[in-house]
Amino acid sequence: MYIGLGMLVLGSVINLIGAIGIYRFRNFYLRLHAATVSAIGGTFYPLVGLALVAFSLVELGEWRFFMGGSLLVSAFLLLMLSPAGSHALARATYKASVSKPEPIIADHLAEDRGG
């Protein structure tokens, strides 16, 4: 139970760091990175922590397994789908030429297009 509560606090700290990063970073790609870190770390850890708390609550009876299992499935889906979503956002922004990353060290997408 205390490990689950600790994971809730850890998720809050990660969300705070991500919010500061979104506010302080200078371009879209860095802000997208901060948003993705806070979405993954700031949501994954609290969901797993809540699952641990739900598994430890005997008062819930058989519902604790349903609640804990659904929280773990939600955490797993978030862990798998958030990076794909942020990658799609970054790629669409780059292809639309809305914002270019600075400085560009290696541009593999331009190399693939022959540029």
PDB file of N, CA and C in Angstrom:
ATOM      1  N   MET A   1       0.823  -1.193   0.000  1.00  0.00           N
ATOM      2  CA  MET A   1       0.000   0.000   0.000  1.00  0.00           C
ATOM      3  C   MET A   1       0.867   1.256   0.000  1.00  0.00           C
ATOM      4  N   TYR A   2       1.928   1.258   0.800  1.00  0.00           N
ATOM      5  CA  TYR A   2       2.785   2.434   0.868  1.00  0.00           C
ATOM      6  C   TYR A   2       3.603   2.610  -0.407  1.00  0.00           C
ATOM      7  N   ILE A   3       3.922   1.521  -1.065  1.00  0.00           N
ATOM      8  CA  ILE A   3       4.622   1.624  -2.349  1.00  0.00           C
ATOM      9  C   ILE A   3       3.704   2.282  -3.378  1.00  0.00           C
ATOM     10  N   GLY A   4       2.437   1.911  -3.374  1.00  0.00           N
ATOM     11  CA  GLY A   4       1.468   2.515  -4.279  1.00  0.00           C
ATOM     12  C   GLY A   4       1.304   4.007  -4.019  1.00  0.00           C
ATOM     13  N   LEU A   5       1.255   4.406  -2.757  1.00  0.00           N
ATOM     14  CA  LEU A   5       1.146   5.828  -2.445  1.00  0.00           C
ATOM     15  C   LEU A   5       2.417   6.568  -2.838  1.00  0.00           C
ATOM     16  N   GLY A   6       3.562   5.924  -2.687  1.00  0.00           N
ATOM     17  CA  GLY A   6       4.813   6.521  -3.135  1.00  0.00           C
ATOM     18  C   GLY A   6       4.838   6.716  -4.644  1.00  0.00           C
ATOM     19  N   MET A   7       4.259   5.769  -5.366  1.00  0.00           N
ATOM     20  CA  MET A   7       4.198   5.914  -6.829  1.00  0.00           C
ATOM     21  C   MET A   7       3.255   7.048  -7.229  1.00  0.00           C
ATOM     22  N   LEU A   8       2.212   7.293  -6.446  1.00  0.00           N
ATOM     23  CA  LEU A   8       1.342   8.435  -6.707  1.00  0.00           C
ATOM     24  C   LEU A   8       2.101   9.749  -6.537  1.00  0.00           C
ATOM     25  N   VAL A   9       2.906   9.833  -5.488  1.00  0.00           N
ATOM     26  CA  VAL A   9       3.711  11.033  -5.259  1.00  0.00           C
ATOM     27  C   VAL A   9       4.747  11.193  -6.369  1.00  0.00           C
ATOM     28  N   LEU A  10       5.377  10.087  -6.781  1.00  0.00           N
ATOM     29  CA  LEU A  10       6.359  10.137  -7.868  1.00  0.00           C
ATOM     30  C   LEU A  10       5.717  10.644  -9.160  1.00  0.00           C
ATOM     31  N   GLY A  11       4.520  10.194  -9.456  1.00  0.00           N
ATOM     32  CA  GLY A  11       3.806  10.671 -10.640  1.00  0.00           C
ATOM     33  C   GLY A  11       3.507  12.160 -10.565  1.00  0.00           C
ATOM     34  N   SER A  12       3.180  12.647  -9.382  1.00  0.00           N
ATOM     35  CA  SER A  12       2.933  14.082  -9.218  1.00  0.00           C
ATOM     36  C   SER A  12       4.195  14.892  -9.460  1.00  0.00           C
ATOM     37  N   VAL A  13       5.318  14.409  -8.973  1.00  0.00           N
ATOM     38  CA  VAL A  13       6.595  15.104  -9.178  1.00  0.00           C
ATOM     39  C   VAL A  13       6.956  15.113 -10.664  1.00  0.00           C
ATOM     40  N   ILE A  14       6.765  13.994 -11.338  1.00  0.00           N
ATOM     41  CA  ILE A  14       7.065  13.930 -12.779  1.00  0.00           C
ATOM     42  C   ILE A  14       6.148  14.871 -13.559  1.00  0.00           C
ATOM     43  N   ASN A  15       4.886  14.953 -13.188  1.00  0.00           N
ATOM     44  CA  ASN A  15       3.975  15.893 -13.846  1.00  0.00           C
ATOM     45  C   ASN A  15       4.404  17.336 -13.622  1.00  0.00           C
ATOM     46  N   LEU A  16       4.878  17.647 -12.435  1.00  0.00           N
ATOM     47  CA  LEU A  16       5.361  18.995 -12.151  1.00  0.00           C
ATOM     48  C   LEU A  16       6.588  19.321 -12.991  1.00  0.00           C
ATOM     49  N   ILE A  17       7.522  18.381 -13.089  1.00  0.00           N
ATOM     50  CA  ILE A  17       8.719  18.594 -13.911  1.00  0.00           C
ATOM     51  C   ILE A  17       8.337  18.751 -15.381  1.00  0.00           C
ATOM     52  N   GLY A  18       7.395  17.954 -15.863  1.00  0.00           N
ATOM     53  CA  GLY A  18       6.932  18.072 -17.241  1.00  0.00           C
ATOM     54  C   GLY A  18       6.255  19.407 -17.509  1.00  0.00           C
ATOM     55  N   ALA A  19       5.473  19.906 -16.555  1.00  0.00           N
ATOM     56  CA  ALA A  19       4.819  21.200 -16.723  1.00  0.00           C
ATOM     57  C   ALA A  19       5.847  22.324 -16.772  1.00  0.00           C
ATOM     58  N   ILE A  20       6.868  22.239 -15.940  1.00  0.00           N
ATOM     59  CA  ILE A  20       7.944  23.240 -15.983  1.00  0.00           C
ATOM     60  C   ILE A  20       8.675  23.162 -17.318  1.00  0.00           C
ATOM     61  N   GLY A  21       8.903  21.951 -17.819  1.00  0.00           N
ATOM     62  CA  GLY A  21       9.556  21.791 -19.111  1.00  0.00           C
ATOM     63  C   GLY A  21       8.741  22.357 -20.258  1.00  0.00           C
ATOM     64  N   ILE A  22       7.427  22.154 -20.226  1.00  0.00           N
ATOM     65  CA  ILE A  22       6.570  22.713 -21.274  1.00  0.00           C
ATOM     66  C   ILE A  22       6.631  24.241 -21.236  1.00  0.00           C
ATOM     67  N   TYR A  23       6.700  24.798 -20.072  1.00  0.00           N
ATOM     68  CA  TYR A  23       6.743  26.253 -19.938  1.00  0.00           C
ATOM     69  C   TYR A  23       8.106  26.827 -20.340  1.00  0.00           C
ATOM     70  N   ARG A  24       9.194  26.134 -20.019  1.00  0.00           N
ATOM     71  CA  ARG A  24      10.526  26.703 -20.188  1.00  0.00           C
ATOM     72  C   ARG A  24      11.206  26.376 -21.515  1.00  0.00           C
ATOM     73  N   PHE A  25      10.877  25.247 -22.140  1.00  0.00           N
ATOM     74  CA  PHE A  25      11.579  24.886 -23.373  1.00  0.00           C
ATOM     75  C   PHE A  25      11.202  25.825 -24.503  1.00  0.00           C
ATOM     76  N   ARG A  26      12.125  25.962 -25.479  1.00  0.00           N
ATOM     77  CA  ARG A  26      11.999  27.033 -26.456  1.00  0.00           C
ATOM     78  C   ARG A  26      11.313  26.651 -27.765  1.00  0.00           C
ATOM     79  N   ASN A  27      11.275  25.397 -28.158  1.00  0.00           N
ATOM     80  CA  ASN A  27      10.626  25.084 -29.430  1.00  0.00           C
ATOM     81  C   ASN A  27       9.640  23.927 -29.258  1.00  0.00           C
ATOM     82  N   PHE A  28       8.920  23.659 -30.327  1.00  0.00           N
ATOM     83  CA  PHE A  28       7.837  22.674 -30.290  1.00  0.00           C
ATOM     84  C   PHE A  28       8.331  21.283 -29.922  1.00  0.00           C
ATOM     85  N   TYR A  29       9.460  20.882 -30.471  1.00  0.00           N
ATOM     86  CA  TYR A  29       9.937  19.508 -30.282  1.00  0.00           C
ATOM     87  C   TYR A  29      10.373  19.260 -28.842  1.00  0.00           C
ATOM     88  N   LEU A  30      11.029  20.234 -28.238  1.00  0.00           N
ATOM     89  CA  LEU A  30      11.401  20.083 -26.834  1.00  0.00           C
ATOM     90  C   LEU A  30      10.168  20.085 -25.937  1.00  0.00           C
ATOM     91  N   ARG A  31       9.207  20.922 -26.269  1.00  0.00           N
ATOM     92  CA  ARG A  31       7.967  20.945 -25.487  1.00  0.00           C
ATOM     93  C   ARG A  31       7.186  19.651 -25.658  1.00  0.00           C
ATOM     94  N   LEU A  32       7.220  19.096 -26.852  1.00  0.00           N
ATOM     95  CA  LEU A  32       6.557  17.810 -27.083  1.00  0.00           C
ATOM     96  C   LEU A  32       7.224  16.712 -26.263  1.00  0.00           C
ATOM     97  N   HIS A  33       8.546  16.772 -26.150  1.00  0.00           N
ATOM     98  CA  HIS A  33       9.267  15.801 -25.323  1.00  0.00           C
ATOM     99  C   HIS A  33       8.840  15.921 -23.861  1.00  0.00           C
ATOM    100  N   ALA A  34       8.765  17.144 -23.357  1.00  0.00           N
ATOM    101  CA  ALA A  34       8.346  17.344 -21.966  1.00  0.00           C
ATOM    102  C   ALA A  34       6.915  16.864 -21.749  1.00  0.00           C
ATOM    103  N   ALA A  35       6.044  17.116 -22.720  1.00  0.00           N
ATOM    104  CA  ALA A  35       4.651  16.672 -22.597  1.00  0.00           C
ATOM    105  C   ALA A  35       4.555  15.149 -22.617  1.00  0.00           C
ATOM    106  N   THR A  36       5.378  14.518 -23.444  1.00  0.00           N
ATOM    107  CA  THR A  36       5.351  13.057 -23.518  1.00  0.00           C
ATOM    108  C   THR A  36       5.901  12.430 -22.241  1.00  0.00           C
ATOM    109  N   VAL A  37       6.971  13.000 -21.708  1.00  0.00           N
ATOM    110  CA  VAL A  37       7.532  12.481 -20.451  1.00  0.00           C
ATOM    111  C   VAL A  37       6.509  12.601 -19.332  1.00  0.00           C
ATOM    112  N   SER A  38       5.838  13.748 -19.252  1.00  0.00           N
ATOM    113  CA  SER A  38       4.846  13.895 -18.188  1.00  0.00           C
ATOM    114  C   SER A  38       3.613  13.028 -18.438  1.00  0.00           C
ATOM    115  N   ALA A  39       3.278  12.801 -19.697  1.00  0.00           N
ATOM    116  CA  ALA A  39       2.119  11.938 -19.982  1.00  0.00           C
ATOM    117  C   ALA A  39       2.423  10.490 -19.644  1.00  0.00           C
ATOM    118  N   ILE A  40       3.641  10.058 -19.949  1.00  0.00           N
ATOM    119  CA  ILE A  40       3.977   8.667 -19.680  1.00  0.00           C
ATOM    120  C   ILE A  40       4.308   8.470 -18.204  1.00  0.00           C
ATOM    121  N   GLY A  41       5.315   9.179 -17.724  1.00  0.00           N
ATOM    122  CA  GLY A  41       5.741   8.991 -16.337  1.00  0.00           C
ATOM    123  C   GLY A  41       4.739   9.497 -15.328  1.00  0.00           C
ATOM    124  N   GLY A  42       4.107  10.627 -15.656  1.00  0.00           N
ATOM    125  CA  GLY A  42       3.163  11.211 -14.721  1.00  0.00           C
ATOM    126  C   GLY A  42       1.826  10.513 -14.675  1.00  0.00           C
ATOM    127  N   THR A  43       1.572   9.606 -15.601  1.00  0.00           N
ATOM    128  CA  THR A  43       0.319   8.856 -15.581  1.00  0.00           C
ATOM    129  C   THR A  43       0.557   7.372 -15.354  1.00  0.00           C
ATOM    130  N   PHE A  44       1.657   6.842 -15.877  1.00  0.00           N
ATOM    131  CA  PHE A  44       1.932   5.416 -15.725  1.00  0.00           C
ATOM    132  C   PHE A  44       2.164   5.053 -14.251  1.00  0.00           C
ATOM    133  N   TYR A  45       3.027   5.809 -13.580  1.00  0.00           N
ATOM    134  CA  TYR A  45       3.326   5.490 -12.182  1.00  0.00           C
ATOM    135  C   TYR A  45       2.109   5.610 -11.273  1.00  0.00           C
ATOM    136  N   PRO A  46       1.296   6.677 -11.385  1.00  0.00           N
ATOM    137  CA  PRO A  46       0.102   6.706 -10.534  1.00  0.00           C
ATOM    138  C   PRO A  46      -0.898   5.589 -10.826  1.00  0.00           C
ATOM    139  N   LEU A  47      -1.033   5.196 -12.094  1.00  0.00           N
ATOM    140  CA  LEU A  47      -1.954   4.097 -12.396  1.00  0.00           C
ATOM    141  C   LEU A  47      -1.476   2.785 -11.778  1.00  0.00           C
ATOM    142  N   VAL A  48      -0.180   2.528 -11.872  1.00  0.00           N
ATOM    143  CA  VAL A  48       0.358   1.309 -11.248  1.00  0.00           C
ATOM    144  C   VAL A  48       0.243   1.415  -9.732  1.00  0.00           C
ATOM    145  N   GLY A  49       0.489   2.608  -9.195  1.00  0.00           N
ATOM    146  CA  GLY A  49       0.339   2.802  -7.746  1.00  0.00           C
ATOM    147  C   GLY A  49      -1.087   2.587  -7.284  1.00  0.00           C
ATOM    148  N   LEU A  50      -2.043   3.089  -8.043  1.00  0.00           N
ATOM    149  CA  LEU A  50      -3.448   2.863  -7.691  1.00  0.00           C
ATOM    150  C   LEU A  50      -3.824   1.392  -7.806  1.00  0.00           C
ATOM    151  N   ALA A  51      -3.230   0.701  -8.777  1.00  0.00           N
ATOM    152  CA  ALA A  51      -3.485  -0.741  -8.888  1.00  0.00           C
ATOM    153  C   ALA A  51      -2.961  -1.469  -7.655  1.00  0.00           C
ATOM    154  N   LEU A  52      -1.775  -1.089  -7.191  1.00  0.00           N
ATOM    155  CA  LEU A  52      -1.240  -1.712  -5.975  1.00  0.00           C
ATOM    156  C   LEU A  52      -2.108  -1.411  -4.762  1.00  0.00           C
ATOM    157  N   VAL A  53      -2.597  -0.187  -4.671  1.00  0.00           N
ATOM    158  CA  VAL A  53      -3.496   0.162  -3.567  1.00  0.00           C
ATOM    159  C   VAL A  53      -4.797  -0.627  -3.672  1.00  0.00           C
ATOM    160  N   ALA A  54      -5.330  -0.762  -4.881  1.00  0.00           N
ATOM    161  CA  ALA A  54      -6.584  -1.503  -5.065  1.00  0.00           C
ATOM    162  C   ALA A  54      -6.404  -2.976  -4.709  1.00  0.00           C
ATOM    163  N   PHE A  55      -5.267  -3.557  -5.088  1.00  0.00           N
ATOM    164  CA  PHE A  55      -5.026  -4.958  -4.744  1.00  0.00           C
ATOM    165  C   PHE A  55      -4.903  -5.162  -3.233  1.00  0.00           C
ATOM    166  N   SER A  56      -4.447  -4.149  -2.517  1.00  0.00           N
ATOM    167  CA  SER A  56      -4.238  -4.313  -1.080  1.00  0.00           C
ATOM    168  C   SER A  56      -5.487  -4.024  -0.261  1.00  0.00           C
ATOM    169  N   LEU A  57      -6.521  -3.436  -0.861  1.00  0.00           N
ATOM    170  CA  LEU A  57      -7.745  -3.128  -0.112  1.00  0.00           C
ATOM    171  C   LEU A  57      -8.653  -4.351  -0.051  1.00  0.00           C
ATOM    172  N   VAL A  58      -8.682  -4.984   1.084  1.00  0.00           N
ATOM    173  CA  VAL A  58      -9.480  -6.194   1.268  1.00  0.00           C
ATOM    174  C   VAL A  58     -10.973  -5.849   1.318  1.00  0.00           C
ATOM    175  N   GLU A  59     -11.295  -4.618   1.714  1.00  0.00           N
ATOM    176  CA  GLU A  59     -12.696  -4.209   1.851  1.00  0.00           C
ATOM    177  C   GLU A  59     -13.455  -4.238   0.525  1.00  0.00           C
ATOM    178  N   LEU A  60     -12.724  -4.169  -0.576  1.00  0.00           N
ATOM    179  CA  LEU A  60     -13.379  -4.178  -1.889  1.00  0.00           C
ATOM    180  C   LEU A  60     -13.841  -5.564  -2.313  1.00  0.00           C
ATOM    181  N   GLY A  61     -13.359  -6.571  -1.661  1.00  0.00           N
ATOM    182  CA  GLY A  61     -13.741  -7.935  -2.011  1.00  0.00           C
ATOM    183  C   GLY A  61     -13.159  -8.345  -3.352  1.00  0.00           C
ATOM    184  N   GLU A  62     -13.997  -8.961  -4.179  1.00  0.00           N
ATOM    185  CA  GLU A  62     -13.542  -9.404  -5.498  1.00  0.00           C
ATOM    186  C   GLU A  62     -13.356  -8.251  -6.481  1.00  0.00           C
ATOM    187  N   TRP A  63     -13.944  -7.095  -6.181  1.00  0.00           N
ATOM    188  CA  TRP A  63     -13.821  -5.939  -7.080  1.00  0.00           C
ATOM    189  C   TRP A  63     -12.392  -5.420  -7.149  1.00  0.00           C
ATOM    190  N   ARG A  64     -11.583  -5.718  -6.135  1.00  0.00           N
ATOM    191  CA  ARG A  64     -10.211  -5.201  -6.142  1.00  0.00           C
ATOM    192  C   ARG A  64      -9.406  -5.785  -7.299  1.00  0.00           C
ATOM    193  N   PHE A  65      -9.692  -7.020  -7.689  1.00  0.00           N
ATOM    194  CA  PHE A  65      -8.978  -7.620  -8.816  1.00  0.00           C
ATOM    195  C   PHE A  65      -9.417  -6.993 -10.143  1.00  0.00           C
ATOM    196  N   PHE A  66     -10.714  -6.697 -10.254  1.00  0.00           N
ATOM    197  CA  PHE A  66     -11.214  -6.030 -11.455  1.00  0.00           C
ATOM    198  C   PHE A  66     -10.634  -4.622 -11.573  1.00  0.00           C
ATOM    199  N   MET A  67     -10.645  -3.877 -10.481  1.00  0.00           N
ATOM    200  CA  MET A  67     -10.132  -2.513 -10.498  1.00  0.00           C
ATOM    201  C   MET A  67      -8.625  -2.490 -10.743  1.00  0.00           C
ATOM    202  N   GLY A  68      -7.899  -3.333 -10.022  1.00  0.00           N
ATOM    203  CA  GLY A  68      -6.448  -3.376 -10.195  1.00  0.00           C
ATOM    204  C   GLY A  68      -6.048  -3.828 -11.581  1.00  0.00           C
ATOM    205  N   GLY A  69      -6.745  -4.822 -12.104  1.00  0.00           N
ATOM    206  CA  GLY A  69      -6.439  -5.309 -13.451  1.00  0.00           C
ATOM    207  C   GLY A  69      -6.725  -4.276 -14.523  1.00  0.00           C
ATOM    208  N   SER A  70      -7.853  -3.570 -14.381  1.00  0.00           N
ATOM    209  CA  SER A  70      -8.176  -2.545 -15.380  1.00  0.00           C
ATOM    210  C   SER A  70      -7.199  -1.378 -15.303  1.00  0.00           C
ATOM    211  N   LEU A  71      -6.718  -1.050 -14.116  1.00  0.00           N
ATOM    212  CA  LEU A  71      -5.710   0.000 -13.983  1.00  0.00           C
ATOM    213  C   LEU A  71      -4.385  -0.428 -14.621  1.00  0.00           C
ATOM    214  N   LEU A  72      -4.007  -1.671 -14.456  1.00  0.00           N
ATOM    215  CA  LEU A  72      -2.763  -2.153 -15.064  1.00  0.00           C
ATOM    216  C   LEU A  72      -2.872  -2.207 -16.587  1.00  0.00           C
ATOM    217  N   VAL A  73      -4.025  -2.608 -17.098  1.00  0.00           N
ATOM    218  CA  VAL A  73      -4.217  -2.621 -18.551  1.00  0.00           C
ATOM    219  C   VAL A  73      -4.174  -1.200 -19.103  1.00  0.00           C
ATOM    220  N   SER A  74      -4.801  -0.263 -18.403  1.00  0.00           N
ATOM    221  CA  SER A  74      -4.760   1.136 -18.831  1.00  0.00           C
ATOM    222  C   SER A  74      -3.337   1.674 -18.821  1.00  0.00           C
ATOM    223  N   ALA A  75      -2.569   1.336 -17.798  1.00  0.00           N
ATOM    224  CA  ALA A  75      -1.175   1.788 -17.715  1.00  0.00           C
ATOM    225  C   ALA A  75      -0.350   1.202 -18.858  1.00  0.00           C
ATOM    226  N   PHE A  76      -0.572  -0.057 -19.177  1.00  0.00           N
ATOM    227  CA  PHE A  76       0.169  -0.687 -20.266  1.00  0.00           C
ATOM    228  C   PHE A  76      -0.168  -0.043 -21.609  1.00  0.00           C
ATOM    229  N   LEU A  77      -1.459   0.203 -21.850  1.00  0.00           N
ATOM    230  CA  LEU A  77      -1.861   0.843 -23.105  1.00  0.00           C
ATOM    231  C   LEU A  77      -1.284   2.246 -23.225  1.00  0.00           C
ATOM    232  N   LEU A  78      -1.284   2.983 -22.140  1.00  0.00           N
ATOM    233  CA  LEU A  78      -0.703   4.318 -22.150  1.00  0.00           C
ATOM    234  C   LEU A  78       0.791   4.254 -22.432  1.00  0.00           C
ATOM    235  N   LEU A  79       1.465   3.294 -21.849  1.00  0.00           N
ATOM    236  CA  LEU A  79       2.903   3.137 -22.054  1.00  0.00           C
ATOM    237  C   LEU A  79       3.227   2.788 -23.499  1.00  0.00           C
ATOM    238  N   MET A  80       2.347   2.069 -24.175  1.00  0.00           N
ATOM    239  CA  MET A  80       2.593   1.674 -25.557  1.00  0.00           C
ATOM    240  C   MET A  80       2.161   2.733 -26.570  1.00  0.00           C
ATOM    241  N   LEU A  81       1.080   3.459 -26.291  1.00  0.00           N
ATOM    242  CA  LEU A  81       0.505   4.344 -27.297  1.00  0.00           C
ATOM    243  C   LEU A  81       0.981   5.792 -27.230  1.00  0.00           C
ATOM    244  N   SER A  82       1.420   6.268 -26.084  1.00  0.00           N
ATOM    245  CA  SER A  82       1.865   7.664 -25.977  1.00  0.00           C
ATOM    246  C   SER A  82       3.093   7.972 -26.828  1.00  0.00           C
ATOM    247  N   PRO A  83       4.121   7.133 -26.837  1.00  0.00           N
ATOM    248  CA  PRO A  83       5.259   7.442 -27.713  1.00  0.00           C
ATOM    249  C   PRO A  83       4.887   7.441 -29.189  1.00  0.00           C
ATOM    250  N   ALA A  84       3.980   6.572 -29.592  1.00  0.00           N
ATOM    251  CA  ALA A  84       3.560   6.555 -30.994  1.00  0.00           C
ATOM    252  C   ALA A  84       2.806   7.835 -31.352  1.00  0.00           C
ATOM    253  N   GLY A  85       1.981   8.319 -30.447  1.00  0.00           N
ATOM    254  CA  GLY A  85       1.260   9.555 -30.688  1.00  0.00           C
ATOM    255  C   GLY A  85       2.171  10.763 -30.765  1.00  0.00           C
ATOM    256  N   SER A  86       3.154  10.842 -29.883  1.00  0.00           N
ATOM    257  CA  SER A  86       4.077  11.977 -29.933  1.00  0.00           C
ATOM    258  C   SER A  86       4.958  11.906 -31.170  1.00  0.00           C
ATOM    259  N   HIS A  87       5.323  10.710 -31.590  1.00  0.00           N
ATOM    260  CA  HIS A  87       6.107  10.565 -32.823  1.00  0.00           C
ATOM    261  C   HIS A  87       5.290  11.029 -34.028  1.00  0.00           C
ATOM    262  N   ALA A  88       4.019  10.675 -34.068  1.00  0.00           N
ATOM    263  CA  ALA A  88       3.163  11.096 -35.173  1.00  0.00           C
ATOM    264  C   ALA A  88       3.001  12.619 -35.193  1.00  0.00           C
ATOM    265  N   LEU A  89       2.862  13.238 -34.021  1.00  0.00           N
ATOM    266  CA  LEU A  89       2.771  14.691 -33.960  1.00  0.00           C
ATOM    267  C   LEU A  89       4.052  15.359 -34.450  1.00  0.00           C
ATOM    268  N   ALA A  90       5.193  14.849 -34.019  1.00  0.00           N
ATOM    269  CA  ALA A  90       6.472  15.434 -34.421  1.00  0.00           C
ATOM    270  C   ALA A  90       6.695  15.277 -35.922  1.00  0.00           C
ATOM    271  N   ARG A  91       6.385  14.124 -36.446  1.00  0.00           N
ATOM    272  CA  ARG A  91       6.588  13.888 -37.882  1.00  0.00           C
ATOM    273  C   ARG A  91       5.656  14.744 -38.733  1.00  0.00           C
ATOM    274  N   ALA A  92       4.400  14.874 -38.317  1.00  0.00           N
ATOM    275  CA  ALA A  92       3.460  15.706 -39.064  1.00  0.00           C
ATOM    276  C   ALA A  92       3.866  17.175 -39.015  1.00  0.00           C
ATOM    277  N   THR A  93       4.357  17.624 -37.880  1.00  0.00           N
ATOM    278  CA  THR A  93       4.812  19.011 -37.770  1.00  0.00           C
ATOM    279  C   THR A  93       6.014  19.257 -38.656  1.00  0.00           C
ATOM    280  N   TYR A  94       6.930  18.304 -38.700  1.00  0.00           N
ATOM    281  CA  TYR A  94       8.117  18.447 -39.549  1.00  0.00           C
ATOM    282  C   TYR A  94       7.734  18.447 -41.025  1.00  0.00           C
ATOM    283  N   LYS A  95       6.871  17.520 -41.412  1.00  0.00           N
ATOM    284  CA  LYS A  95       6.486  17.427 -42.830  1.00  0.00           C
ATOM    285  C   LYS A  95       5.683  18.639 -43.285  1.00  0.00           C
ATOM    286  N   ALA A  96       4.900  19.240 -42.396  1.00  0.00           N
ATOM    287  CA  ALA A  96       4.128  20.427 -42.750  1.00  0.00           C
ATOM    288  C   ALA A  96       4.983  21.687 -42.720  1.00  0.00           C
ATOM    289  N   SER A  97       6.233  21.565 -42.333  1.00  0.00           N
ATOM    290  CA  SER A  97       7.177  22.688 -42.232  1.00  0.00           C
ATOM    291  C   SER A  97       6.658  23.799 -41.328  1.00  0.00           C
ATOM    292  N   VAL A  98       5.928  23.411 -40.302  1.00  0.00           N
ATOM    293  CA  VAL A  98       5.445  24.390 -39.337  1.00  0.00           C
ATOM    294  C   VAL A  98       6.585  24.846 -38.447  1.00  0.00           C
ATOM    295  N   SER A  99       7.386  23.894 -38.016  1.00  0.00           N
ATOM    296  CA  SER A  99       8.485  24.208 -37.119  1.00  0.00           C
ATOM    297  C   SER A  99       9.638  23.265 -37.435  1.00  0.00           C
ATOM    298  N   LYS A 100      10.822  23.817 -37.515  1.00  0.00           N
ATOM    299  CA  LYS A 100      12.023  23.002 -37.744  1.00  0.00           C
ATOM    300  C   LYS A 100      12.814  22.925 -36.452  1.00  0.00           C
ATOM    301  N   PRO A 101      13.344  21.753 -36.139  1.00  0.00           N
ATOM    302  CA  PRO A 101      14.167  21.643 -34.934  1.00  0.00           C
ATOM    303  C   PRO A 101      15.472  22.415 -35.100  1.00  0.00           C
ATOM    304  N   GLU A 102      15.945  23.023 -34.018  1.00  0.00           N
ATOM    305  CA  GLU A 102      17.174  23.802 -34.049  1.00  0.00           C
ATOM    306  C   GLU A 102      18.109  23.281 -32.985  1.00  0.00           C
ATOM    307  N   PRO A 103      19.333  23.108 -33.184  1.00  0.00           N
ATOM    308  CA  PRO A 103      20.030  22.995 -34.467  1.00  0.00           C
ATOM    309  C   PRO A 103      19.819  21.609 -35.060  1.00  0.00           C
ATOM    310  N   ILE A 104      19.846  21.518 -36.376  1.00  0.00           N
ATOM    311  CA  ILE A 104      19.686  20.236 -37.046  1.00  0.00           C
ATOM    312  C   ILE A 104      21.069  19.608 -37.202  1.00  0.00           C
ATOM    313  N   ILE A 105      21.296  18.507 -36.544  1.00  0.00           N
ATOM    314  CA  ILE A 105      22.577  17.808 -36.625  1.00  0.00           C
ATOM    315  C   ILE A 105      22.542  16.797 -37.761  1.00  0.00           C
ATOM    316  N   ALA A 106      21.487  16.017 -37.826  1.00  0.00           N
ATOM    317  CA  ALA A 106      21.313  15.037 -38.900  1.00  0.00           C
ATOM    318  C   ALA A 106      19.836  15.027 -39.271  1.00  0.00           C
ATOM    319  N   ASP A 107      19.548  15.167 -40.544  1.00  0.00           N
ATOM    320  CA  ASP A 107      18.161  15.213 -41.006  1.00  0.00           C
ATOM    321  C   ASP A 107      17.924  14.003 -41.898  1.00  0.00           C
ATOM    322  N   HIS A 108      17.503  12.897 -41.301  1.00  0.00           N
ATOM    323  CA  HIS A 108      17.309  11.662 -42.050  1.00  0.00           C
ATOM    324  C   HIS A 108      16.057  11.703 -42.923  1.00  0.00           C
ATOM    325  N   LEU A 109      15.046  12.466 -42.508  1.00  0.00           N
ATOM    326  CA  LEU A 109      13.847  12.576 -43.341  1.00  0.00           C
ATOM    327  C   LEU A 109      14.144  13.314 -44.635  1.00  0.00           C
ATOM    328  N   ALA A 110      14.957  14.362 -44.565  1.00  0.00           N
ATOM    329  CA  ALA A 110      15.336  15.079 -45.789  1.00  0.00           C
ATOM    330  C   ALA A 110      16.226  14.202 -46.677  1.00  0.00           C
ATOM    331  N   GLU A 111      17.075  13.371 -46.083  1.00  0.00           N
ATOM    332  CA  GLU A 111      17.901  12.458 -46.844  1.00  0.00           C
ATOM    333  C   GLU A 111      17.059  11.414 -47.558  1.00  0.00           C
ATOM    334  N   ASP A 112      15.991  10.950 -46.902  1.00  0.00           N
ATOM    335  CA  ASP A 112      15.106   9.968 -47.542  1.00  0.00           C
ATOM    336  C   ASP A 112      14.364  10.561 -48.728  1.00  0.00           C
ATOM    337  N   ARG A 113      14.058  11.870 -48.635  1.00  0.00           N
ATOM    338  CA  ARG A 113      13.370  12.535 -49.740  1.00  0.00           C
ATOM    339  C   ARG A 113      14.324  12.965 -50.847  1.00  0.00           C
ATOM    340  N   GLY A 114      15.628  12.855 -50.601  1.00  0.00           N
ATOM    341  CA  GLY A 114      16.615  13.225 -51.610  1.00  0.00           C
ATOM    342  C   GLY A 114      17.073  14.659 -51.474  1.00  0.00           C
ATOM    343  N   GLY A 115      16.844  15.272 -50.286  1.00  0.00           N
ATOM    344  CA  GLY A 115      17.215  16.679 -50.103  1.00  0.00           C
ATOM    345  C   GLY A 115      18.457  16.890 -49.325  1.00  0.00           C
TER     346      GLY A 115
END
